[in-house]
Amino acid sequence: MRKILFLILFTTLAACGNSSMDNEIIIRSSLNGNIEDTLSSSTASFDKDCNSSLCFYEVDVPAENVNKATVFLTSSGSALVFNDVTSAVFITHNDSLITDTNIILDGVAEDSRHAEAAIYFYETLDKLKAAGWQRYIFPSEARIPGAEAKKFNHFDEVLGVPVGTGPWKDPALKLNQTDWLAMPTINSWYFHKNGNYLQLRAQRKNSLQAPQEGGTYLFSLNFQTEAEFYKSFVESDDREQWTTRLPSELNRMAQERAQTEARLKKMGIAIDEDYQDPPIKALE
């Protein structure tokens, strides 16, 4: 009899959609923090996968869950909160310190209107700005504000050279729907805060039936420590000696920026002279 009652209770809970269980998917982590602290302070169940030098700690929320995971990311005393996380991965290198944090957001429903996706995107930008994240421009690229974007015909080019942080990727620039749809289907915006770096990526697949009206979107965030971010600036064989290899590379990049900005000024393009590259603590 007790077994029958248990089965009835279990079936009833399952029929309710497991909403109480969904609400318990909480992940708390600190950028540059210890993975053990993340594991002990979170209610989520992590899958761990390691090789000789890396460990991946992953949480995937089943698609059928009505409520997604809530992630609290702490940086310098303030926290970013995302309550619609479908996947989170924390990476460690050789020790227990987290070097990379990758988050996928639920964002908007499949085949949503483009306007709805844009609203969600700009709400995410506002959240980042309120938490102290600032625009990052690659050291080799000109410091062009978004107000000058309309003077460039290509979204990811300046003077015929591909760029990753050009004026169209200024988070202060708010795109109308025409410009939003004219952008490539995969776009990234870069930010920095207190030695941490962030890539916010938006991927779009237009609807086959009404491509100008709606589509399916994927929004993701990739946080990196200073070391992991700047290691990508040097040759792969030199990654572990990045602090000795990086200064010469930064000098080369600064010269490239200066030459580009000089040409742009002659063309009447404004340069954001107030923008300063963030300090690199490991080089101080």
C-alpha atoms as a PDB file:
ATOM      1  CA  MET A   1       0.000   0.000   0.000  1.00  0.00           C
ATOM      2  CA  ARG A   2       2.786   2.445   0.913  1.00  0.00           C
ATOM      3  CA  LYS A   3       4.492   1.613  -2.387  1.00  0.00           C
ATOM      4  CA  ILE A   4       1.292   2.422  -4.310  1.00  0.00           C
ATOM      5  CA  LEU A   5       0.906   5.737  -2.465  1.00  0.00           C
ATOM      6  CA  PHE A   6       4.524   6.614  -3.257  1.00  0.00           C
ATOM      7  CA  LEU A   7       3.978   5.920  -6.953  1.00  0.00           C
ATOM      8  CA  ILE A   8       0.831   8.079  -6.951  1.00  0.00           C
ATOM      9  CA  LEU A   9       2.711  10.922  -5.263  1.00  0.00           C
ATOM     10  CA  PHE A  10       5.628  10.653  -7.676  1.00  0.00           C
ATOM     11  CA  THR A  11       3.306  10.656 -10.687  1.00  0.00           C
ATOM     12  CA  THR A  12       1.447  13.701  -9.347  1.00  0.00           C
ATOM     13  CA  LEU A  13       4.673  15.651  -8.880  1.00  0.00           C
ATOM     14  CA  ALA A  14       5.850  14.739 -12.357  1.00  0.00           C
ATOM     15  CA  ALA A  15       2.561  15.901 -13.837  1.00  0.00           C
ATOM     16  CA  CYS A  16       3.060  19.301 -12.219  1.00  0.00           C
ATOM     17  CA  GLY A  17       6.089  19.856 -14.414  1.00  0.00           C
ATOM     18  CA  ASN A  18       8.675  19.620 -11.629  1.00  0.00           C
ATOM     19  CA  SER A  19       8.404  23.400 -11.193  1.00  0.00           C
ATOM     20  CA  SER A  20       9.745  23.239  -7.636  1.00  0.00           C
ATOM     21  CA  MET A  21      12.797  21.355  -8.837  1.00  0.00           C
ATOM     22  CA  ASP A  22      13.323  23.833 -11.678  1.00  0.00           C
ATOM     23  CA  ASN A  23      13.462  26.695  -9.195  1.00  0.00           C
ATOM     24  CA  GLU A  24      16.363  25.049  -7.381  1.00  0.00           C
ATOM     25  CA  ILE A  25      18.827  25.303 -10.285  1.00  0.00           C
ATOM     26  CA  ILE A  26      21.060  27.959  -8.776  1.00  0.00           C
ATOM     27  CA  ILE A  27      24.703  28.523  -9.728  1.00  0.00           C
ATOM     28  CA  ARG A  28      26.935  30.892  -7.776  1.00  0.00           C
ATOM     29  CA  SER A  29      30.414  31.618  -9.044  1.00  0.00           C
ATOM     30  CA  SER A  30      33.122  34.252  -8.868  1.00  0.00           C
ATOM     31  CA  LEU A  31      35.238  35.302 -11.840  1.00  0.00           C
ATOM     32  CA  ASN A  32      38.799  34.245 -10.985  1.00  0.00           C
ATOM     33  CA  GLY A  33      37.268  32.178  -8.201  1.00  0.00           C
ATOM     34  CA  ASN A  34      37.807  28.618  -7.019  1.00  0.00           C
ATOM     35  CA  ILE A  35      35.740  25.909  -8.696  1.00  0.00           C
ATOM     36  CA  GLU A  36      35.259  24.183  -5.351  1.00  0.00           C
ATOM     37  CA  ASP A  37      33.469  27.278  -4.039  1.00  0.00           C
ATOM     38  CA  THR A  38      31.204  27.227  -7.091  1.00  0.00           C
ATOM     39  CA  LEU A  39      30.374  23.560  -6.610  1.00  0.00           C
ATOM     40  CA  SER A  40      29.654  23.910  -2.902  1.00  0.00           C
ATOM     41  CA  SER A  41      27.509  27.049  -3.172  1.00  0.00           C
ATOM     42  CA  SER A  42      25.378  25.883  -6.124  1.00  0.00           C
ATOM     43  CA  THR A  43      22.338  23.636  -6.178  1.00  0.00           C
ATOM     44  CA  ALA A  44      22.986  22.503  -9.748  1.00  0.00           C
ATOM     45  CA  SER A  45      24.480  19.131 -10.599  1.00  0.00           C
ATOM     46  CA  PHE A  46      27.730  19.504 -12.577  1.00  0.00           C
ATOM     47  CA  ASP A  47      29.176  17.096 -15.132  1.00  0.00           C
ATOM     48  CA  LYS A  48      32.975  17.026 -14.857  1.00  0.00           C
ATOM     49  CA  ASP A  49      35.268  16.153 -17.763  1.00  0.00           C
ATOM     50  CA  CYS A  50      39.067  16.482 -17.574  1.00  0.00           C
ATOM     51  CA  ASN A  51      42.070  15.907 -19.787  1.00  0.00           C
ATOM     52  CA  SER A  52      45.778  16.336 -18.996  1.00  0.00           C
ATOM     53  CA  SER A  53      45.535  20.101 -18.401  1.00  0.00           C
ATOM     54  CA  LEU A  54      41.873  21.172 -18.475  1.00  0.00           C
ATOM     55  CA  CYS A  55      38.754  20.408 -16.515  1.00  0.00           C
ATOM     56  CA  PHE A  56      35.254  21.290 -17.698  1.00  0.00           C
ATOM     57  CA  TYR A  57      32.376  21.602 -15.227  1.00  0.00           C
ATOM     58  CA  GLU A  58      29.090  21.771 -17.121  1.00  0.00           C
ATOM     59  CA  VAL A  59      25.426  22.240 -16.309  1.00  0.00           C
ATOM     60  CA  ASP A  60      22.769  21.716 -18.995  1.00  0.00           C
ATOM     61  CA  VAL A  61      19.136  22.520 -18.267  1.00  0.00           C
ATOM     62  CA  PRO A  62      16.704  20.159 -20.026  1.00  0.00           C
ATOM     63  CA  ALA A  63      14.727  21.897 -22.740  1.00  0.00           C
ATOM     64  CA  GLU A  64      11.452  20.790 -21.170  1.00  0.00           C
ATOM     65  CA  ASN A  65      12.185  22.664 -17.924  1.00  0.00           C
ATOM     66  CA  VAL A  66       9.938  25.705 -17.725  1.00  0.00           C
ATOM     67  CA  ASN A  67      12.345  27.497 -15.402  1.00  0.00           C
ATOM     68  CA  LYS A  68      15.977  27.750 -16.431  1.00  0.00           C
ATOM     69  CA  ALA A  69      19.035  28.042 -14.226  1.00  0.00           C
ATOM     70  CA  THR A  70      19.834  31.247 -12.389  1.00  0.00           C
ATOM     71  CA  VAL A  71      23.509  32.197 -12.399  1.00  0.00           C
ATOM     72  CA  PHE A  72      25.107  34.705 -10.033  1.00  0.00           C
ATOM     73  CA  LEU A  73      28.523  35.843 -11.291  1.00  0.00           C
ATOM     74  CA  THR A  74      30.487  37.919  -8.805  1.00  0.00           C
ATOM     75  CA  SER A  75      33.217  40.323  -9.853  1.00  0.00           C
ATOM     76  CA  SER A  76      34.825  42.924  -7.571  1.00  0.00           C
ATOM     77  CA  GLY A  77      31.949  42.826  -5.122  1.00  0.00           C
ATOM     78  CA  SER A  78      29.128  43.249  -7.649  1.00  0.00           C
ATOM     79  CA  ALA A  79      27.146  40.423  -9.198  1.00  0.00           C
ATOM     80  CA  LEU A  80      25.690  39.792 -12.623  1.00  0.00           C
ATOM     81  CA  VAL A  81      22.474  37.788 -12.446  1.00  0.00           C
ATOM     82  CA  PHE A  82      21.072  35.777 -15.356  1.00  0.00           C
ATOM     83  CA  ASN A  83      17.863  33.868 -14.651  1.00  0.00           C
ATOM     84  CA  ASP A  84      17.391  32.261 -18.061  1.00  0.00           C
ATOM     85  CA  VAL A  85      20.533  30.140 -18.407  1.00  0.00           C
ATOM     86  CA  THR A  86      20.244  26.915 -20.416  1.00  0.00           C
ATOM     87  CA  SER A  87      23.914  25.920 -20.186  1.00  0.00           C
ATOM     88  CA  ALA A  88      26.926  26.924 -18.111  1.00  0.00           C
ATOM     89  CA  VAL A  89      30.508  25.677 -18.391  1.00  0.00           C
ATOM     90  CA  PHE A  90      33.366  26.532 -16.036  1.00  0.00           C
ATOM     91  CA  ILE A  91      36.937  25.737 -17.118  1.00  0.00           C
ATOM     92  CA  THR A  92      40.025  25.309 -14.967  1.00  0.00           C
ATOM     93  CA  HIS A  93      43.665  24.931 -16.083  1.00  0.00           C
ATOM     94  CA  ASN A  94      45.943  22.685 -14.038  1.00  0.00           C
ATOM     95  CA  ASP A  95      44.500  23.922 -10.743  1.00  0.00           C
ATOM     96  CA  SER A  96      41.157  24.825  -9.188  1.00  0.00           C
ATOM     97  CA  LEU A  97      40.945  28.462 -10.341  1.00  0.00           C
ATOM     98  CA  ILE A  98      38.294  29.224 -12.964  1.00  0.00           C
ATOM     99  CA  THR A  99      39.789  30.769 -16.102  1.00  0.00           C
ATOM    100  CA  ASP A 100      36.807  30.634 -18.480  1.00  0.00           C
ATOM    101  CA  THR A 101      33.071  30.855 -17.860  1.00  0.00           C
ATOM    102  CA  ASN A 102      30.715  30.151 -20.756  1.00  0.00           C
ATOM    103  CA  ILE A 103      27.001  30.808 -20.458  1.00  0.00           C
ATOM    104  CA  ILE A 104      24.195  30.253 -22.951  1.00  0.00           C
ATOM    105  CA  LEU A 105      21.007  32.229 -22.371  1.00  0.00           C
ATOM    106  CA  ASP A 106      17.482  31.150 -23.202  1.00  0.00           C
ATOM    107  CA  GLY A 107      16.921  34.602 -24.681  1.00  0.00           C
ATOM    108  CA  VAL A 108      13.789  34.631 -26.809  1.00  0.00           C
ATOM    109  CA  ALA A 109      11.631  31.808 -28.135  1.00  0.00           C
ATOM    110  CA  GLU A 110      12.292  30.200 -31.496  1.00  0.00           C
ATOM    111  CA  ASP A 111      10.940  32.184 -34.453  1.00  0.00           C
ATOM    112  CA  SER A 112      10.530  35.321 -32.356  1.00  0.00           C
ATOM    113  CA  ARG A 113      10.152  38.703 -33.947  1.00  0.00           C
ATOM    114  CA  HIS A 114      13.463  40.438 -34.592  1.00  0.00           C
ATOM    115  CA  ALA A 115      12.261  43.391 -32.535  1.00  0.00           C
ATOM    116  CA  GLU A 116      11.821  41.133 -29.489  1.00  0.00           C
ATOM    117  CA  ALA A 117      15.354  39.771 -29.869  1.00  0.00           C
ATOM    118  CA  ALA A 118      16.763  43.285 -30.158  1.00  0.00           C
ATOM    119  CA  ILE A 119      14.949  44.335 -26.973  1.00  0.00           C
ATOM    120  CA  TYR A 120      16.403  41.341 -25.136  1.00  0.00           C
ATOM    121  CA  PHE A 121      19.880  42.127 -26.471  1.00  0.00           C
ATOM    122  CA  TYR A 122      19.801  45.753 -25.345  1.00  0.00           C
ATOM    123  CA  GLU A 123      18.429  44.771 -21.943  1.00  0.00           C
ATOM    124  CA  THR A 124      21.463  42.502 -21.600  1.00  0.00           C
ATOM    125  CA  LEU A 125      23.761  45.384 -22.591  1.00  0.00           C
ATOM    126  CA  ASP A 126      22.113  47.597 -19.961  1.00  0.00           C
ATOM    127  CA  LYS A 127      22.689  44.906 -17.356  1.00  0.00           C
ATOM    128  CA  LEU A 128      26.382  44.699 -18.252  1.00  0.00           C
ATOM    129  CA  LYS A 129      26.791  48.473 -18.181  1.00  0.00           C
ATOM    130  CA  ALA A 130      25.080  48.741 -14.799  1.00  0.00           C
ATOM    131  CA  ALA A 131      27.506  46.130 -13.434  1.00  0.00           C
ATOM    132  CA  GLY A 132      30.518  48.165 -14.576  1.00  0.00           C
ATOM    133  CA  TRP A 133      31.476  46.381 -17.796  1.00  0.00           C
ATOM    134  CA  GLN A 134      32.965  48.730 -20.397  1.00  0.00           C
ATOM    135  CA  ARG A 135      33.586  48.547 -24.124  1.00  0.00           C
ATOM    136  CA  TYR A 136      36.845  46.887 -25.152  1.00  0.00           C
ATOM    137  CA  ILE A 137      38.644  47.718 -28.403  1.00  0.00           C
ATOM    138  CA  PHE A 138      41.440  45.510 -29.694  1.00  0.00           C
ATOM    139  CA  PRO A 139      44.787  47.339 -29.346  1.00  0.00           C
ATOM    140  CA  SER A 140      45.428  47.190 -33.099  1.00  0.00           C
ATOM    141  CA  GLU A 141      42.059  48.678 -34.035  1.00  0.00           C
ATOM    142  CA  ALA A 142      41.053  52.330 -34.285  1.00  0.00           C
ATOM    143  CA  ARG A 143      39.026  53.800 -31.430  1.00  0.00           C
ATOM    144  CA  ILE A 144      35.988  54.719 -33.498  1.00  0.00           C
ATOM    145  CA  PRO A 145      32.775  55.566 -31.620  1.00  0.00           C
ATOM    146  CA  GLY A 146      29.463  54.117 -32.700  1.00  0.00           C
ATOM    147  CA  ALA A 147      28.273  57.579 -33.725  1.00  0.00           C
ATOM    148  CA  GLU A 148      30.604  57.252 -36.750  1.00  0.00           C
ATOM    149  CA  ALA A 149      29.322  53.819 -37.801  1.00  0.00           C
ATOM    150  CA  LYS A 150      27.153  55.082 -40.648  1.00  0.00           C
ATOM    151  CA  LYS A 151      30.290  56.374 -42.392  1.00  0.00           C
ATOM    152  CA  PHE A 152      31.434  52.780 -42.957  1.00  0.00           C
ATOM    153  CA  ASN A 153      29.756  50.576 -45.541  1.00  0.00           C
ATOM    154  CA  HIS A 154      30.898  47.268 -44.056  1.00  0.00           C
ATOM    155  CA  PHE A 155      30.110  46.144 -40.525  1.00  0.00           C
ATOM    156  CA  ASP A 156      33.382  44.343 -39.883  1.00  0.00           C
ATOM    157  CA  GLU A 157      35.846  46.375 -41.934  1.00  0.00           C
ATOM    158  CA  VAL A 158      37.730  49.635 -41.498  1.00  0.00           C
ATOM    159  CA  LEU A 159      39.716  50.903 -44.488  1.00  0.00           C
ATOM    160  CA  GLY A 160      39.400  47.488 -46.096  1.00  0.00           C
ATOM    161  CA  VAL A 161      40.848  45.656 -43.087  1.00  0.00           C
ATOM    162  CA  PRO A 162      38.725  43.177 -41.049  1.00  0.00           C
ATOM    163  CA  VAL A 163      38.026  44.324 -37.474  1.00  0.00           C
ATOM    164  CA  GLY A 164      36.379  42.714 -34.480  1.00  0.00           C
ATOM    165  CA  THR A 165      35.620  45.786 -32.367  1.00  0.00           C
ATOM    166  CA  GLY A 166      34.792  48.450 -34.943  1.00  0.00           C
ATOM    167  CA  PRO A 167      32.201  51.246 -34.613  1.00  0.00           C
ATOM    168  CA  TRP A 168      29.255  48.974 -35.363  1.00  0.00           C
ATOM    169  CA  LYS A 169      30.216  46.954 -32.269  1.00  0.00           C
ATOM    170  CA  ASP A 170      30.131  49.939 -29.919  1.00  0.00           C
ATOM    171  CA  PRO A 171      27.624  48.880 -27.220  1.00  0.00           C
ATOM    172  CA  ALA A 172      26.516  52.518 -26.984  1.00  0.00           C
ATOM    173  CA  LEU A 173      25.170  52.293 -30.544  1.00  0.00           C
ATOM    174  CA  LYS A 174      21.520  51.309 -30.758  1.00  0.00           C
ATOM    175  CA  LEU A 175      20.650  49.785 -34.131  1.00  0.00           C
ATOM    176  CA  ASN A 176      17.346  50.182 -35.904  1.00  0.00           C
ATOM    177  CA  GLN A 177      15.781  47.013 -37.312  1.00  0.00           C
ATOM    178  CA  THR A 178      17.139  47.632 -40.813  1.00  0.00           C
ATOM    179  CA  ASP A 179      20.712  47.828 -39.536  1.00  0.00           C
ATOM    180  CA  TRP A 180      20.103  44.942 -37.121  1.00  0.00           C
ATOM    181  CA  LEU A 181      19.126  42.657 -39.991  1.00  0.00           C
ATOM    182  CA  ALA A 182      21.908  43.942 -42.225  1.00  0.00           C
ATOM    183  CA  MET A 183      24.532  42.806 -39.741  1.00  0.00           C
ATOM    184  CA  PRO A 184      26.160  39.363 -40.143  1.00  0.00           C
ATOM    185  CA  THR A 185      24.274  36.457 -38.606  1.00  0.00           C
ATOM    186  CA  ILE A 186      27.026  36.002 -35.992  1.00  0.00           C
ATOM    187  CA  ASN A 187      28.231  39.071 -34.065  1.00  0.00           C
ATOM    188  CA  SER A 188      30.380  39.659 -30.996  1.00  0.00           C
ATOM    189  CA  TRP A 189      30.752  42.597 -28.619  1.00  0.00           C
ATOM    190  CA  TYR A 190      33.726  42.837 -26.233  1.00  0.00           C
ATOM    191  CA  PHE A 191      33.932  44.222 -22.697  1.00  0.00           C
ATOM    192  CA  HIS A 192      36.370  44.465 -19.801  1.00  0.00           C
ATOM    193  CA  LYS A 193      36.130  44.991 -16.073  1.00  0.00           C
ATOM    194  CA  ASN A 194      38.874  44.875 -13.449  1.00  0.00           C
ATOM    195  CA  GLY A 195      41.117  42.466 -15.343  1.00  0.00           C
ATOM    196  CA  ASN A 196      38.333  40.257 -16.672  1.00  0.00           C
ATOM    197  CA  TYR A 197      37.163  40.133 -20.268  1.00  0.00           C
ATOM    198  CA  LEU A 198      33.836  39.281 -21.837  1.00  0.00           C
ATOM    199  CA  GLN A 199      32.637  38.351 -25.297  1.00  0.00           C
ATOM    200  CA  LEU A 200      28.889  38.708 -25.795  1.00  0.00           C
ATOM    201  CA  ARG A 201      27.805  36.842 -28.911  1.00  0.00           C
ATOM    202  CA  ALA A 202      24.496  36.953 -30.779  1.00  0.00           C
ATOM    203  CA  GLN A 203      23.710  34.366 -33.456  1.00  0.00           C
ATOM    204  CA  ARG A 204      20.688  34.682 -35.712  1.00  0.00           C
ATOM    205  CA  LYS A 205      18.916  32.340 -38.116  1.00  0.00           C
ATOM    206  CA  ASN A 206      16.208  34.131 -40.048  1.00  0.00           C
ATOM    207  CA  SER A 207      12.825  32.481 -40.460  1.00  0.00           C
ATOM    208  CA  LEU A 208      12.425  30.728 -43.805  1.00  0.00           C
ATOM    209  CA  GLN A 209       8.813  31.845 -44.092  1.00  0.00           C
ATOM    210  CA  ALA A 210       9.299  35.494 -43.069  1.00  0.00           C
ATOM    211  CA  PRO A 211      13.024  36.343 -42.826  1.00  0.00           C
ATOM    212  CA  GLN A 212      12.389  40.065 -42.394  1.00  0.00           C
ATOM    213  CA  GLU A 213       9.944  39.502 -39.557  1.00  0.00           C
ATOM    214  CA  GLY A 214      11.453  36.914 -37.270  1.00  0.00           C
ATOM    215  CA  GLY A 215      14.087  34.290 -36.578  1.00  0.00           C
ATOM    216  CA  THR A 216      15.766  32.055 -34.027  1.00  0.00           C
ATOM    217  CA  TYR A 217      18.502  33.524 -31.818  1.00  0.00           C
ATOM    218  CA  LEU A 218      21.272  32.222 -29.587  1.00  0.00           C
ATOM    219  CA  PHE A 219      22.836  34.584 -27.042  1.00  0.00           C
ATOM    220  CA  SER A 220      26.003  33.520 -25.204  1.00  0.00           C
ATOM    221  CA  LEU A 221      28.628  35.047 -22.920  1.00  0.00           C
ATOM    222  CA  ASN A 222      32.250  34.010 -22.579  1.00  0.00           C
ATOM    223  CA  PHE A 223      34.140  35.416 -19.596  1.00  0.00           C
ATOM    224  CA  GLN A 224      37.923  35.062 -19.421  1.00  0.00           C
ATOM    225  CA  THR A 225      40.622  35.976 -16.972  1.00  0.00           C
ATOM    226  CA  GLU A 226      43.284  38.437 -18.044  1.00  0.00           C
ATOM    227  CA  ALA A 227      45.825  35.665 -18.615  1.00  0.00           C
ATOM    228  CA  GLU A 228      43.554  33.526 -20.787  1.00  0.00           C
ATOM    229  CA  PHE A 229      42.396  36.509 -22.820  1.00  0.00           C
ATOM    230  CA  TYR A 230      45.858  37.841 -23.629  1.00  0.00           C
ATOM    231  CA  LYS A 231      47.414  34.446 -24.247  1.00  0.00           C
ATOM    232  CA  SER A 232      45.478  34.471 -27.526  1.00  0.00           C
ATOM    233  CA  PHE A 233      47.489  37.530 -28.616  1.00  0.00           C
ATOM    234  CA  VAL A 234      50.715  35.519 -28.961  1.00  0.00           C
ATOM    235  CA  GLU A 235      51.697  32.433 -30.929  1.00  0.00           C
ATOM    236  CA  SER A 236      50.345  29.187 -29.516  1.00  0.00           C
ATOM    237  CA  ASP A 237      53.833  27.874 -28.747  1.00  0.00           C
ATOM    238  CA  ASP A 238      54.475  30.969 -26.596  1.00  0.00           C
ATOM    239  CA  ARG A 239      51.239  30.944 -24.611  1.00  0.00           C
ATOM    240  CA  GLU A 240      52.852  29.966 -21.333  1.00  0.00           C
ATOM    241  CA  GLN A 241      55.397  32.799 -21.739  1.00  0.00           C
ATOM    242  CA  TRP A 242      52.734  35.322 -22.688  1.00  0.00           C
ATOM    243  CA  THR A 243      53.882  37.976 -20.208  1.00  0.00           C
ATOM    244  CA  THR A 244      57.294  38.177 -21.887  1.00  0.00           C
ATOM    245  CA  ARG A 245      55.955  37.888 -25.457  1.00  0.00           C
ATOM    246  CA  LEU A 246      52.998  40.239 -25.136  1.00  0.00           C
ATOM    247  CA  PRO A 247      54.744  43.652 -24.709  1.00  0.00           C
ATOM    248  CA  SER A 248      56.361  43.578 -28.147  1.00  0.00           C
ATOM    249  CA  GLU A 249      53.078  42.470 -29.702  1.00  0.00           C
ATOM    250  CA  LEU A 250      51.227  45.313 -27.974  1.00  0.00           C
ATOM    251  CA  ASN A 251      53.769  47.804 -29.305  1.00  0.00           C
ATOM    252  CA  ARG A 252      53.219  46.523 -32.833  1.00  0.00           C
ATOM    253  CA  MET A 253      49.465  46.743 -32.391  1.00  0.00           C
ATOM    254  CA  ALA A 254      49.678  50.280 -30.994  1.00  0.00           C
ATOM    255  CA  GLN A 255      51.609  51.374 -34.086  1.00  0.00           C
ATOM    256  CA  GLU A 256      48.980  49.806 -36.310  1.00  0.00           C
ATOM    257  CA  ARG A 257      46.232  51.648 -34.430  1.00  0.00           C
ATOM    258  CA  ALA A 258      48.086  54.968 -34.648  1.00  0.00           C
ATOM    259  CA  GLN A 259      48.556  54.644 -38.414  1.00  0.00           C
ATOM    260  CA  THR A 260      44.899  53.769 -38.969  1.00  0.00           C
ATOM    261  CA  GLU A 261      43.648  56.587 -36.763  1.00  0.00           C
ATOM    262  CA  ALA A 262      45.876  59.104 -38.566  1.00  0.00           C
ATOM    263  CA  ARG A 263      44.341  58.091 -41.903  1.00  0.00           C
ATOM    264  CA  LEU A 264      40.821  58.249 -40.499  1.00  0.00           C
ATOM    265  CA  LYS A 265      41.323  61.725 -39.066  1.00  0.00           C
ATOM    266  CA  LYS A 266      42.366  62.979 -42.482  1.00  0.00           C
ATOM    267  CA  MET A 267      39.089  61.571 -43.805  1.00  0.00           C
ATOM    268  CA  GLY A 268      37.086  63.445 -41.185  1.00  0.00           C
ATOM    269  CA  ILE A 269      36.344  60.404 -39.027  1.00  0.00           C
ATOM    270  CA  ALA A 270      36.172  61.155 -35.300  1.00  0.00           C
ATOM    271  CA  ILE A 271      38.364  59.165 -32.912  1.00  0.00           C
ATOM    272  CA  ASP A 272      37.397  58.438 -29.307  1.00  0.00           C
ATOM    273  CA  GLU A 273      40.477  59.971 -27.674  1.00  0.00           C
ATOM    274  CA  ASP A 274      38.998  59.306 -24.222  1.00  0.00           C
ATOM    275  CA  TYR A 275      39.173  55.547 -24.702  1.00  0.00           C
ATOM    276  CA  GLN A 276      42.211  54.058 -22.972  1.00  0.00           C
ATOM    277  CA  ASP A 277      43.316  50.448 -23.126  1.00  0.00           C
ATOM    278  CA  PRO A 278      42.688  48.704 -19.786  1.00  0.00           C
ATOM    279  CA  PRO A 279      45.813  48.121 -17.693  1.00  0.00           C
ATOM    280  CA  ILE A 280      47.230  44.612 -17.801  1.00  0.00           C
ATOM    281  CA  LYS A 281      47.964  43.739 -14.203  1.00  0.00           C
ATOM    282  CA  ALA A 282      50.407  40.955 -15.005  1.00  0.00           C
ATOM    283  CA  LEU A 283      52.645  43.454 -16.833  1.00  0.00           C
ATOM    284  CA  GLU A 284      52.662  46.109 -14.101  1.00  0.00           C
END
